[in-house]
Amino acid sequence: MKPNDDDEHLIETLFRNGTITVVGVVLSFSLGFLTQWASNPIPWRLTDLPTLVVIAIGIVFQLRSLALLLQTSSLKKVVYDKASRLFLNGVIITGAGVFLAILIDTFRLLMER
């Protein structure tokens, strides 16, 4: 039996608004890292492409999460939980990309010596 819209669990608006703030701040840091990395003095190579793809995928997950949270339907717990999972997955994927970028840059610097 499918629950009616009246039976759905809702979250508090204030709680959702705080989550939107957190998602926006973390997303801006992710985009800032990508911008900073793009202006890195170490020349880009083809080996940087997988790292760029990983970071971009993580950012897309974060953007999708923000888009879901900005909809009024995100007050429904099911939608809110989906957006939260997308955001956490996006942060993990972006973090893995950042770690990979740092690892590759460190390896290149060591190889130049």
PDB file of N, CA and C in Angstrom:
ATOM      1  N   MET A   1       0.843  -1.180   0.000  1.00  0.00           N
ATOM      2  CA  MET A   1       0.000   0.000   0.000  1.00  0.00           C
ATOM      3  C   MET A   1       0.889   1.244   0.000  1.00  0.00           C
ATOM      4  N   LYS A   2       0.638   2.151  -0.925  1.00  0.00           N
ATOM      5  CA  LYS A   2       1.424   3.371  -1.043  1.00  0.00           C
ATOM      6  C   LYS A   2       0.881   4.441  -0.101  1.00  0.00           C
ATOM      7  N   PRO A   3       1.784   5.102   0.669  1.00  0.00           N
ATOM      8  CA  PRO A   3       1.290   6.127   1.597  1.00  0.00           C
ATOM      9  C   PRO A   3       0.796   7.361   0.848  1.00  0.00           C
ATOM     10  N   ASN A   4      -0.195   8.021   1.405  1.00  0.00           N
ATOM     11  CA  ASN A   4      -0.686   9.274   0.846  1.00  0.00           C
ATOM     12  C   ASN A   4       0.319  10.380   1.112  1.00  0.00           C
ATOM     13  N   ASP A   5       0.164  11.489   0.377  1.00  0.00           N
ATOM     14  CA  ASP A   5       1.059  12.627   0.595  1.00  0.00           C
ATOM     15  C   ASP A   5       0.946  13.153   2.023  1.00  0.00           C
ATOM     16  N   ASP A   6      -0.236  13.018   2.617  1.00  0.00           N
ATOM     17  CA  ASP A   6      -0.434  13.502   3.989  1.00  0.00           C
ATOM     18  C   ASP A   6       0.315  12.643   4.998  1.00  0.00           C
ATOM     19  N   ASP A   7       0.575  11.375   4.649  1.00  0.00           N
ATOM     20  CA  ASP A   7       1.237  10.449   5.564  1.00  0.00           C
ATOM     21  C   ASP A   7       2.757  10.508   5.490  1.00  0.00           C
ATOM     22  N   GLU A   8       3.297  11.234   4.511  1.00  0.00           N
ATOM     23  CA  GLU A   8       4.748  11.266   4.337  1.00  0.00           C
ATOM     24  C   GLU A   8       5.415  12.041   5.468  1.00  0.00           C
ATOM     25  N   HIS A   9       6.599  11.572   5.841  1.00  0.00           N
ATOM     26  CA  HIS A   9       7.356  12.244   6.887  1.00  0.00           C
ATOM     27  C   HIS A   9       8.026  13.478   6.304  1.00  0.00           C
ATOM     28  N   LEU A  10       7.904  14.585   7.017  1.00  0.00           N
ATOM     29  CA  LEU A  10       8.504  15.848   6.578  1.00  0.00           C
ATOM     30  C   LEU A  10       9.620  16.232   7.538  1.00  0.00           C
ATOM     31  N   ILE A  11      10.578  16.966   7.020  1.00  0.00           N
ATOM     32  CA  ILE A  11      11.648  17.488   7.873  1.00  0.00           C
ATOM     33  C   ILE A  11      11.380  18.965   8.129  1.00  0.00           C
ATOM     34  N   GLU A  12      12.019  19.494   9.141  1.00  0.00           N
ATOM     35  CA  GLU A  12      11.856  20.903   9.481  1.00  0.00           C
ATOM     36  C   GLU A  12      12.521  21.783   8.422  1.00  0.00           C
ATOM     37  N   THR A  13      11.885  22.882   8.093  1.00  0.00           N
ATOM     38  CA  THR A  13      12.423  23.812   7.104  1.00  0.00           C
ATOM     39  C   THR A  13      13.773  24.367   7.542  1.00  0.00           C
ATOM     40  N   LEU A  14      13.896  24.696   8.817  1.00  0.00           N
ATOM     41  CA  LEU A  14      15.148  25.237   9.344  1.00  0.00           C
ATOM     42  C   LEU A  14      16.292  24.240   9.190  1.00  0.00           C
ATOM     43  N   PHE A  15      15.998  22.968   9.417  1.00  0.00           N
ATOM     44  CA  PHE A  15      17.005  21.924   9.270  1.00  0.00           C
ATOM     45  C   PHE A  15      17.452  21.815   7.815  1.00  0.00           C
ATOM     46  N   ARG A  16      16.492  21.835   6.896  1.00  0.00           N
ATOM     47  CA  ARG A  16      16.820  21.768   5.472  1.00  0.00           C
ATOM     48  C   ARG A  16      17.636  22.987   5.040  1.00  0.00           C
ATOM     49  N   ASN A  17      17.267  24.165   5.546  1.00  0.00           N
ATOM     50  CA  ASN A  17      17.999  25.376   5.173  1.00  0.00           C
ATOM     51  C   ASN A  17      19.457  25.319   5.632  1.00  0.00           C
ATOM     52  N   GLY A  18      19.695  24.758   6.802  1.00  0.00           N
ATOM     53  CA  GLY A  18      21.072  24.582   7.267  1.00  0.00           C
ATOM     54  C   GLY A  18      21.846  23.633   6.377  1.00  0.00           C
ATOM     55  N   THR A  19      21.174  22.586   5.930  1.00  0.00           N
ATOM     56  CA  THR A  19      21.814  21.625   5.031  1.00  0.00           C
ATOM     57  C   THR A  19      22.148  22.278   3.695  1.00  0.00           C
ATOM     58  N   ILE A  20      21.249  23.111   3.191  1.00  0.00           N
ATOM     59  CA  ILE A  20      21.517  23.830   1.940  1.00  0.00           C
ATOM     60  C   ILE A  20      22.755  24.705   2.090  1.00  0.00           C
ATOM     61  N   THR A  21      22.900  25.344   3.233  1.00  0.00           N
ATOM     62  CA  THR A  21      24.073  26.189   3.482  1.00  0.00           C
ATOM     63  C   THR A  21      25.350  25.359   3.455  1.00  0.00           C
ATOM     64  N   VAL A  22      25.337  24.229   4.134  1.00  0.00           N
ATOM     65  CA  VAL A  22      26.516  23.354   4.172  1.00  0.00           C
ATOM     66  C   VAL A  22      26.869  22.862   2.772  1.00  0.00           C
ATOM     67  N   VAL A  23      25.873  22.417   2.027  1.00  0.00           N
ATOM     68  CA  VAL A  23      26.114  21.922   0.669  1.00  0.00           C
ATOM     69  C   VAL A  23      26.693  23.035  -0.197  1.00  0.00           C
ATOM     70  N   GLY A  24      26.149  24.231  -0.081  1.00  0.00           N
ATOM     71  CA  GLY A  24      26.655  25.362  -0.869  1.00  0.00           C
ATOM     72  C   GLY A  24      28.089  25.718  -0.539  1.00  0.00           C
ATOM     73  N   VAL A  25      28.435  25.710   0.732  1.00  0.00           N
ATOM     74  CA  VAL A  25      29.799  26.042   1.145  1.00  0.00           C
ATOM     75  C   VAL A  25      30.792  24.985   0.669  1.00  0.00           C
ATOM     76  N   VAL A  26      30.459  23.710   0.869  1.00  0.00           N
ATOM     77  CA  VAL A  26      31.360  22.637   0.445  1.00  0.00           C
ATOM     78  C   VAL A  26      31.494  22.622  -1.081  1.00  0.00           C
ATOM     79  N   LEU A  27      30.393  22.852  -1.780  1.00  0.00           N
ATOM     80  CA  LEU A  27      30.440  22.919  -3.243  1.00  0.00           C
ATOM     81  C   LEU A  27      31.336  24.055  -3.707  1.00  0.00           C
ATOM     82  N   SER A  28      31.268  25.196  -3.042  1.00  0.00           N
ATOM     83  CA  SER A  28      32.134  26.316  -3.435  1.00  0.00           C
ATOM     84  C   SER A  28      33.601  25.998  -3.171  1.00  0.00           C
ATOM     85  N   PHE A  29      33.903  25.277  -2.102  1.00  0.00           N
ATOM     86  CA  PHE A  29      35.281  24.851  -1.863  1.00  0.00           C
ATOM     87  C   PHE A  29      35.745  23.883  -2.954  1.00  0.00           C
ATOM     88  N   SER A  30      34.866  22.978  -3.365  1.00  0.00           N
ATOM     89  CA  SER A  30      35.217  22.024  -4.425  1.00  0.00           C
ATOM     90  C   SER A  30      35.502  22.750  -5.735  1.00  0.00           C
ATOM     91  N   LEU A  31      34.645  23.685  -6.075  1.00  0.00           N
ATOM     92  CA  LEU A  31      34.863  24.463  -7.293  1.00  0.00           C
ATOM     93  C   LEU A  31      36.112  25.327  -7.174  1.00  0.00           C
ATOM     94  N   GLY A  32      36.356  25.858  -5.988  1.00  0.00           N
ATOM     95  CA  GLY A  32      37.572  26.651  -5.752  1.00  0.00           C
ATOM     96  C   GLY A  32      38.826  25.818  -5.907  1.00  0.00           C
ATOM     97  N   PHE A  33      38.790  24.575  -5.407  1.00  0.00           N
ATOM     98  CA  PHE A  33      39.954  23.708  -5.581  1.00  0.00           C
ATOM     99  C   PHE A  33      40.200  23.444  -7.052  1.00  0.00           C
ATOM    100  N   LEU A  34      39.146  23.190  -7.797  1.00  0.00           N
ATOM    101  CA  LEU A  34      39.293  22.920  -9.227  1.00  0.00           C
ATOM    102  C   LEU A  34      39.885  24.129  -9.941  1.00  0.00           C
ATOM    103  N   THR A  35      39.448  25.312  -9.575  1.00  0.00           N
ATOM    104  CA  THR A  35      39.992  26.535 -10.162  1.00  0.00           C
ATOM    105  C   THR A  35      41.462  26.708  -9.804  1.00  0.00           C
ATOM    106  N   GLN A  36      41.795  26.497  -8.538  1.00  0.00           N
ATOM    107  CA  GLN A  36      43.180  26.611  -8.083  1.00  0.00           C
ATOM    108  C   GLN A  36      44.066  25.586  -8.774  1.00  0.00           C
ATOM    109  N   TRP A  37      43.569  24.383  -8.910  1.00  0.00           N
ATOM    110  CA  TRP A  37      44.334  23.315  -9.539  1.00  0.00           C
ATOM    111  C   TRP A  37      44.556  23.610 -11.016  1.00  0.00           C
ATOM    112  N   ALA A  38      43.555  24.230 -11.653  1.00  0.00           N
ATOM    113  CA  ALA A  38      43.682  24.569 -13.076  1.00  0.00           C
ATOM    114  C   ALA A  38      44.770  25.608 -13.305  1.00  0.00           C
ATOM    115  N   SER A  39      45.025  26.457 -12.303  1.00  0.00           N
ATOM    116  CA  SER A  39      46.052  27.483 -12.450  1.00  0.00           C
ATOM    117  C   SER A  39      47.382  27.059 -11.829  1.00  0.00           C
ATOM    118  N   ASN A  40      47.525  25.777 -11.551  1.00  0.00           N
ATOM    119  CA  ASN A  40      48.756  25.216 -10.995  1.00  0.00           C
ATOM    120  C   ASN A  40      49.928  25.482 -11.950  1.00  0.00           C
ATOM    121  N   PRO A  41      51.098  25.905 -11.435  1.00  0.00           N
ATOM    122  CA  PRO A  41      52.233  26.185 -12.320  1.00  0.00           C
ATOM    123  C   PRO A  41      52.818  24.931 -12.990  1.00  0.00           C
ATOM    124  N   ILE A  42      52.512  23.763 -12.449  1.00  0.00           N
ATOM    125  CA  ILE A  42      52.980  22.531 -13.080  1.00  0.00           C
ATOM    126  C   ILE A  42      52.136  22.305 -14.330  1.00  0.00           C
ATOM    127  N   PRO A  43      52.792  22.122 -15.481  1.00  0.00           N
ATOM    128  CA  PRO A  43      52.016  21.968 -16.726  1.00  0.00           C
ATOM    129  C   PRO A  43      51.084  20.753 -16.687  1.00  0.00           C
ATOM    130  N   TRP A  44      49.926  20.918 -17.305  1.00  0.00           N
ATOM    131  CA  TRP A  44      48.958  19.825 -17.393  1.00  0.00           C
ATOM    132  C   TRP A  44      49.458  18.781 -18.372  1.00  0.00           C
ATOM    133  N   ARG A  45      49.142  17.535 -18.072  1.00  0.00           N
ATOM    134  CA  ARG A  45      49.482  16.421 -18.963  1.00  0.00           C
ATOM    135  C   ARG A  45      48.251  15.543 -19.119  1.00  0.00           C
ATOM    136  N   LEU A  46      48.341  14.619 -20.040  1.00  0.00           N
ATOM    137  CA  LEU A  46      47.231  13.708 -20.273  1.00  0.00           C
ATOM    138  C   LEU A  46      46.928  12.865 -19.029  1.00  0.00           C
ATOM    139  N   THR A  47      47.938  12.628 -18.210  1.00  0.00           N
ATOM    140  CA  THR A  47      47.733  11.842 -16.990  1.00  0.00           C
ATOM    141  C   THR A  47      46.872  12.581 -15.961  1.00  0.00           C
ATOM    142  N   ASP A  48      46.653  13.881 -16.152  1.00  0.00           N
ATOM    143  CA  ASP A  48      45.786  14.649 -15.254  1.00  0.00           C
ATOM    144  C   ASP A  48      44.306  14.451 -15.570  1.00  0.00           C
ATOM    145  N   LEU A  49      44.011  13.940 -16.740  1.00  0.00           N
ATOM    146  CA  LEU A  49      42.620  13.803 -17.164  1.00  0.00           C
ATOM    147  C   LEU A  49      41.779  12.915 -16.240  1.00  0.00           C
ATOM    148  N   PRO A  50      42.259  11.741 -15.812  1.00  0.00           N
ATOM    149  CA  PRO A  50      41.437  10.935 -14.896  1.00  0.00           C
ATOM    150  C   PRO A  50      41.118  11.671 -13.587  1.00  0.00           C
ATOM    151  N   THR A  51      42.085  12.405 -13.064  1.00  0.00           N
ATOM    152  CA  THR A  51      41.859  13.174 -11.839  1.00  0.00           C
ATOM    153  C   THR A  51      40.797  14.235 -12.063  1.00  0.00           C
ATOM    154  N   LEU A  52      40.889  14.924 -13.180  1.00  0.00           N
ATOM    155  CA  LEU A  52      39.904  15.946 -13.519  1.00  0.00           C
ATOM    156  C   LEU A  52      38.511  15.339 -13.638  1.00  0.00           C
ATOM    157  N   VAL A  53      38.415  14.186 -14.253  1.00  0.00           N
ATOM    158  CA  VAL A  53      37.121  13.513 -14.409  1.00  0.00           C
ATOM    159  C   VAL A  53      36.550  13.123 -13.050  1.00  0.00           C
ATOM    160  N   VAL A  54      37.382  12.587 -12.171  1.00  0.00           N
ATOM    161  CA  VAL A  54      36.913  12.180 -10.834  1.00  0.00           C
ATOM    162  C   VAL A  54      36.398  13.396 -10.062  1.00  0.00           C
ATOM    163  N   ILE A  55      37.155  14.481 -10.065  1.00  0.00           N
ATOM    164  CA  ILE A  55      36.722  15.692  -9.358  1.00  0.00           C
ATOM    165  C   ILE A  55      35.440  16.239  -9.969  1.00  0.00           C
ATOM    166  N   ALA A  56      35.366  16.259 -11.289  1.00  0.00           N
ATOM    167  CA  ALA A  56      34.168  16.776 -11.961  1.00  0.00           C
ATOM    168  C   ALA A  56      32.935  15.932 -11.635  1.00  0.00           C
ATOM    169  N   ILE A  57      33.087  14.615 -11.587  1.00  0.00           N
ATOM    170  CA  ILE A  57      31.958  13.749 -11.231  1.00  0.00           C
ATOM    171  C   ILE A  57      31.488  14.050  -9.808  1.00  0.00           C
ATOM    172  N   GLY A  58      32.430  14.220  -8.890  1.00  0.00           N
ATOM    173  CA  GLY A  58      32.071  14.564  -7.515  1.00  0.00           C
ATOM    174  C   GLY A  58      31.330  15.891  -7.436  1.00  0.00           C
ATOM    175  N   ILE A  59      31.764  16.864  -8.218  1.00  0.00           N
ATOM    176  CA  ILE A  59      31.105  18.175  -8.226  1.00  0.00           C
ATOM    177  C   ILE A  59      29.699  18.066  -8.816  1.00  0.00           C
ATOM    178  N   VAL A  60      29.539  17.246  -9.838  1.00  0.00           N
ATOM    179  CA  VAL A  60      28.208  17.043 -10.418  1.00  0.00           C
ATOM    180  C   VAL A  60      27.259  16.440  -9.376  1.00  0.00           C
ATOM    181  N   PHE A  61      27.745  15.484  -8.591  1.00  0.00           N
ATOM    182  CA  PHE A  61      26.923  14.898  -7.522  1.00  0.00           C
ATOM    183  C   PHE A  61      26.518  15.977  -6.518  1.00  0.00           C
ATOM    184  N   GLN A  62      27.464  16.837  -6.153  1.00  0.00           N
ATOM    185  CA  GLN A  62      27.161  17.904  -5.198  1.00  0.00           C
ATOM    186  C   GLN A  62      26.152  18.893  -5.783  1.00  0.00           C
ATOM    187  N   LEU A  63      26.312  19.235  -7.069  1.00  0.00           N
ATOM    188  CA  LEU A  63      25.368  20.145  -7.720  1.00  0.00           C
ATOM    189  C   LEU A  63      23.967  19.543  -7.788  1.00  0.00           C
ATOM    190  N   ARG A  64      23.888  18.265  -8.095  1.00  0.00           N
ATOM    191  CA  ARG A  64      22.590  17.592  -8.152  1.00  0.00           C
ATOM    192  C   ARG A  64      21.931  17.591  -6.773  1.00  0.00           C
ATOM    193  N   SER A  65      22.726  17.382  -5.749  1.00  0.00           N
ATOM    194  CA  SER A  65      22.216  17.418  -4.380  1.00  0.00           C
ATOM    195  C   SER A  65      21.646  18.792  -4.056  1.00  0.00           C
ATOM    196  N   LEU A  66      22.381  19.832  -4.410  1.00  0.00           N
ATOM    197  CA  LEU A  66      21.912  21.192  -4.154  1.00  0.00           C
ATOM    198  C   LEU A  66      20.622  21.473  -4.920  1.00  0.00           C
ATOM    199  N   ALA A  67      20.561  21.013  -6.166  1.00  0.00           N
ATOM    200  CA  ALA A  67      19.354  21.219  -6.968  1.00  0.00           C
ATOM    201  C   ALA A  67      18.151  20.529  -6.324  1.00  0.00           C
ATOM    202  N   LEU A  68      18.347  19.337  -5.803  1.00  0.00           N
ATOM    203  CA  LEU A  68      17.252  18.636  -5.119  1.00  0.00           C
ATOM    204  C   LEU A  68      16.825  19.370  -3.851  1.00  0.00           C
ATOM    205  N   LEU A  69      17.813  19.860  -3.099  1.00  0.00           N
ATOM    206  CA  LEU A  69      17.498  20.530  -1.834  1.00  0.00           C
ATOM    207  C   LEU A  69      16.794  21.866  -2.042  1.00  0.00           C
ATOM    208  N   LEU A  70      16.990  22.487  -3.188  1.00  0.00           N
ATOM    209  CA  LEU A  70      16.350  23.775  -3.454  1.00  0.00           C
ATOM    210  C   LEU A  70      14.886  23.630  -3.869  1.00  0.00           C
ATOM    211  N   GLN A  71      14.458  22.430  -4.158  1.00  0.00           N
ATOM    212  CA  GLN A  71      13.057  22.189  -4.506  1.00  0.00           C
ATOM    213  C   GLN A  71      12.218  22.071  -3.233  1.00  0.00           C
ATOM    214  N   THR A  72      10.976  22.506  -3.306  1.00  0.00           N
ATOM    215  CA  THR A  72      10.110  22.406  -2.126  1.00  0.00           C
ATOM    216  C   THR A  72       9.838  20.958  -1.745  1.00  0.00           C
ATOM    217  N   SER A  73       9.940  20.044  -2.699  1.00  0.00           N
ATOM    218  CA  SER A  73       9.712  18.631  -2.386  1.00  0.00           C
ATOM    219  C   SER A  73      10.793  18.054  -1.479  1.00  0.00           C
ATOM    220  N   SER A  74      11.903  18.794  -1.298  1.00  0.00           N
ATOM    221  CA  SER A  74      12.970  18.292  -0.423  1.00  0.00           C
ATOM    222  C   SER A  74      12.579  18.340   1.054  1.00  0.00           C
ATOM    223  N   LEU A  75      11.438  18.906   1.353  1.00  0.00           N
ATOM    224  CA  LEU A  75      10.944  18.850   2.730  1.00  0.00           C
ATOM    225  C   LEU A  75      10.443  17.457   3.070  1.00  0.00           C
ATOM    226  N   LYS A  76      10.215  16.638   2.032  1.00  0.00           N
ATOM    227  CA  LYS A  76       9.852  15.238   2.260  1.00  0.00           C
ATOM    228  C   LYS A  76      11.119  14.478   2.633  1.00  0.00           C
ATOM    229  N   LYS A  77      11.031  13.662   3.659  1.00  0.00           N
ATOM    230  CA  LYS A  77      12.209  12.964   4.167  1.00  0.00           C
ATOM    231  C   LYS A  77      12.870  12.098   3.097  1.00  0.00           C
ATOM    232  N   VAL A  78      12.091  11.469   2.249  1.00  0.00           N
ATOM    233  CA  VAL A  78      12.637  10.595   1.197  1.00  0.00           C
ATOM    234  C   VAL A  78      13.515  11.403   0.233  1.00  0.00           C
ATOM    235  N   VAL A  79      13.029  12.554  -0.189  1.00  0.00           N
ATOM    236  CA  VAL A  79      13.783  13.398  -1.121  1.00  0.00           C
ATOM    237  C   VAL A  79      15.013  13.970  -0.422  1.00  0.00           C
ATOM    238  N   TYR A  80      14.827  14.412   0.823  1.00  0.00           N
ATOM    239  CA  TYR A  80      15.942  14.962   1.600  1.00  0.00           C
ATOM    240  C   TYR A  80      17.050  13.921   1.786  1.00  0.00           C
ATOM    241  N   ASP A  81      16.661  12.686   2.116  1.00  0.00           N
ATOM    242  CA  ASP A  81      17.649  11.616   2.305  1.00  0.00           C
ATOM    243  C   ASP A  81      18.397  11.321   1.005  1.00  0.00           C
ATOM    244  N   LYS A  82      17.695  11.333  -0.118  1.00  0.00           N
ATOM    245  CA  LYS A  82      18.351  11.105  -1.417  1.00  0.00           C
ATOM    246  C   LYS A  82      19.370  12.205  -1.693  1.00  0.00           C
ATOM    247  N   ALA A  83      18.987  13.459  -1.447  1.00  0.00           N
ATOM    248  CA  ALA A  83      19.901  14.585  -1.665  1.00  0.00           C
ATOM    249  C   ALA A  83      21.113  14.484  -0.743  1.00  0.00           C
ATOM    250  N   SER A  84      20.890  14.066   0.490  1.00  0.00           N
ATOM    251  CA  SER A  84      21.994  13.921   1.443  1.00  0.00           C
ATOM    252  C   SER A  84      22.971  12.839   0.996  1.00  0.00           C
ATOM    253  N   ARG A  85      22.443  11.714   0.516  1.00  0.00           N
ATOM    254  CA  ARG A  85      23.313  10.634   0.016  1.00  0.00           C
ATOM    255  C   ARG A  85      24.115  11.090  -1.197  1.00  0.00           C
ATOM    256  N   LEU A  86      23.456  11.802  -2.107  1.00  0.00           N
ATOM    257  CA  LEU A  86      24.163  12.321  -3.283  1.00  0.00           C
ATOM    258  C   LEU A  86      25.294  13.256  -2.862  1.00  0.00           C
ATOM    259  N   PHE A  87      25.000  14.118  -1.896  1.00  0.00           N
ATOM    260  CA  PHE A  87      26.006  15.065  -1.432  1.00  0.00           C
ATOM    261  C   PHE A  87      27.196  14.351  -0.808  1.00  0.00           C
ATOM    262  N   LEU A  88      26.936  13.404   0.075  1.00  0.00           N
ATOM    263  CA  LEU A  88      28.031  12.678   0.720  1.00  0.00           C
ATOM    264  C   LEU A  88      28.853  11.893  -0.296  1.00  0.00           C
ATOM    265  N   ASN A  89      28.189  11.263  -1.254  1.00  0.00           N
ATOM    266  CA  ASN A  89      28.926  10.567  -2.315  1.00  0.00           C
ATOM    267  C   ASN A  89      29.761  11.546  -3.126  1.00  0.00           C
ATOM    268  N   GLY A  90      29.207  12.715  -3.409  1.00  0.00           N
ATOM    269  CA  GLY A  90      29.949  13.737  -4.144  1.00  0.00           C
ATOM    270  C   GLY A  90      31.180  14.211  -3.396  1.00  0.00           C
ATOM    271  N   VAL A  91      31.044  14.390  -2.090  1.00  0.00           N
ATOM    272  CA  VAL A  91      32.188  14.817  -1.277  1.00  0.00           C
ATOM    273  C   VAL A  91      33.272  13.733  -1.273  1.00  0.00           C
ATOM    274  N   ILE A  92      32.858  12.490  -1.137  1.00  0.00           N
ATOM    275  CA  ILE A  92      33.834  11.381  -1.133  1.00  0.00           C
ATOM    276  C   ILE A  92      34.541  11.285  -2.475  1.00  0.00           C
ATOM    277  N   ILE A  93      33.796  11.375  -3.560  1.00  0.00           N
ATOM    278  CA  ILE A  93      34.394  11.289  -4.900  1.00  0.00           C
ATOM    279  C   ILE A  93      35.325  12.472  -5.151  1.00  0.00           C
ATOM    280  N   THR A  94      34.881  13.675  -4.794  1.00  0.00           N
ATOM    281  CA  THR A  94      35.728  14.860  -4.974  1.00  0.00           C
ATOM    282  C   THR A  94      36.979  14.753  -4.117  1.00  0.00           C
ATOM    283  N   GLY A  95      36.828  14.292  -2.889  1.00  0.00           N
ATOM    284  CA  GLY A  95      37.988  14.109  -2.010  1.00  0.00           C
ATOM    285  C   GLY A  95      38.982  13.114  -2.580  1.00  0.00           C
ATOM    286  N   ALA A  96      38.476  12.039  -3.171  1.00  0.00           N
ATOM    287  CA  ALA A  96      39.365  11.065  -3.808  1.00  0.00           C
ATOM    288  C   ALA A  96      40.108  11.701  -4.980  1.00  0.00           C
ATOM    289  N   GLY A  97      39.417  12.528  -5.741  1.00  0.00           N
ATOM    290  CA  GLY A  97      40.069  13.226  -6.854  1.00  0.00           C
ATOM    291  C   GLY A  97      41.132  14.203  -6.385  1.00  0.00           C
ATOM    292  N   VAL A  98      40.833  14.923  -5.311  1.00  0.00           N
ATOM    293  CA  VAL A  98      41.816  15.866  -4.748  1.00  0.00           C
ATOM    294  C   VAL A  98      43.041  15.111  -4.253  1.00  0.00           C
ATOM    295  N   PHE A  99      42.808  14.008  -3.555  1.00  0.00           N
ATOM    296  CA  PHE A  99      43.930  13.198  -3.067  1.00  0.00           C
ATOM    297  C   PHE A  99      44.761  12.680  -4.231  1.00  0.00           C
ATOM    298  N   LEU A 100      44.107  12.237  -5.287  1.00  0.00           N
ATOM    299  CA  LEU A 100      44.812  11.755  -6.471  1.00  0.00           C
ATOM    300  C   LEU A 100      45.622  12.874  -7.125  1.00  0.00           C
ATOM    301  N   ALA A 101      45.067  14.066  -7.192  1.00  0.00           N
ATOM    302  CA  ALA A 101      45.784  15.205  -7.776  1.00  0.00           C
ATOM    303  C   ALA A 101      47.034  15.537  -6.965  1.00  0.00           C
ATOM    304  N   ILE A 102      46.901  15.540  -5.655  1.00  0.00           N
ATOM    305  CA  ILE A 102      48.056  15.828  -4.787  1.00  0.00           C
ATOM    306  C   ILE A 102      49.111  14.742  -4.938  1.00  0.00           C
ATOM    307  N   LEU A 103      48.667  13.506  -5.000  1.00  0.00           N
ATOM    308  CA  LEU A 103      49.588  12.387  -5.167  1.00  0.00           C
ATOM    309  C   LEU A 103      50.357  12.478  -6.487  1.00  0.00           C
ATOM    310  N   ILE A 104      49.660  12.787  -7.556  1.00  0.00           N
ATOM    311  CA  ILE A 104      50.314  12.918  -8.874  1.00  0.00           C
ATOM    312  C   ILE A 104      51.284  14.086  -8.887  1.00  0.00           C
ATOM    313  N   ASP A 105      50.880  15.238  -8.337  1.00  0.00           N
ATOM    314  CA  ASP A 105      51.784  16.400  -8.290  1.00  0.00           C
ATOM    315  C   ASP A 105      53.023  16.113  -7.453  1.00  0.00           C
ATOM    316  N   THR A 106      52.847  15.437  -6.333  1.00  0.00           N
ATOM    317  CA  THR A 106      53.995  15.083  -5.481  1.00  0.00           C
ATOM    318  C   THR A 106      54.931  14.140  -6.220  1.00  0.00           C
ATOM    319  N   PHE A 107      54.378  13.173  -6.890  1.00  0.00           N
ATOM    320  CA  PHE A 107      55.190  12.229  -7.659  1.00  0.00           C
ATOM    321  C   PHE A 107      55.970  12.952  -8.757  1.00  0.00           C
ATOM    322  N   ARG A 108      55.322  13.880  -9.432  1.00  0.00           N
ATOM    323  CA  ARG A 108      56.015  14.638 -10.486  1.00  0.00           C
ATOM    324  C   ARG A 108      57.155  15.489  -9.923  1.00  0.00           C
ATOM    325  N   LEU A 109      56.902  16.130  -8.788  1.00  0.00           N
ATOM    326  CA  LEU A 109      57.950  16.954  -8.167  1.00  0.00           C
ATOM    327  C   LEU A 109      59.141  16.098  -7.748  1.00  0.00           C
ATOM    328  N   LEU A 110      58.879  14.915  -7.229  1.00  0.00           N
ATOM    329  CA  LEU A 110      59.967  14.011  -6.837  1.00  0.00           C
ATOM    330  C   LEU A 110      60.742  13.486  -8.047  1.00  0.00           C
ATOM    331  N   MET A 111      60.056  13.303  -9.148  1.00  0.00           N
ATOM    332  CA  MET A 111      60.708  12.795 -10.366  1.00  0.00           C
ATOM    333  C   MET A 111      61.590  13.865 -11.018  1.00  0.00           C
ATOM    334  N   GLU A 112      61.294  15.143 -10.776  1.00  0.00           N
ATOM    335  CA  GLU A 112      62.077  16.233 -11.350  1.00  0.00           C
ATOM    336  C   GLU A 112      63.414  16.411 -10.650  1.00  0.00           C
ATOM    337  N   ARG A 113      63.554  15.892  -9.473  1.00  0.00           N
ATOM    338  CA  ARG A 113      64.789  16.078  -8.695  1.00  0.00           C
ATOM    339  C   ARG A 113      65.881  15.221  -9.179  1.00  0.00           C
TER     340      ARG A 113
END
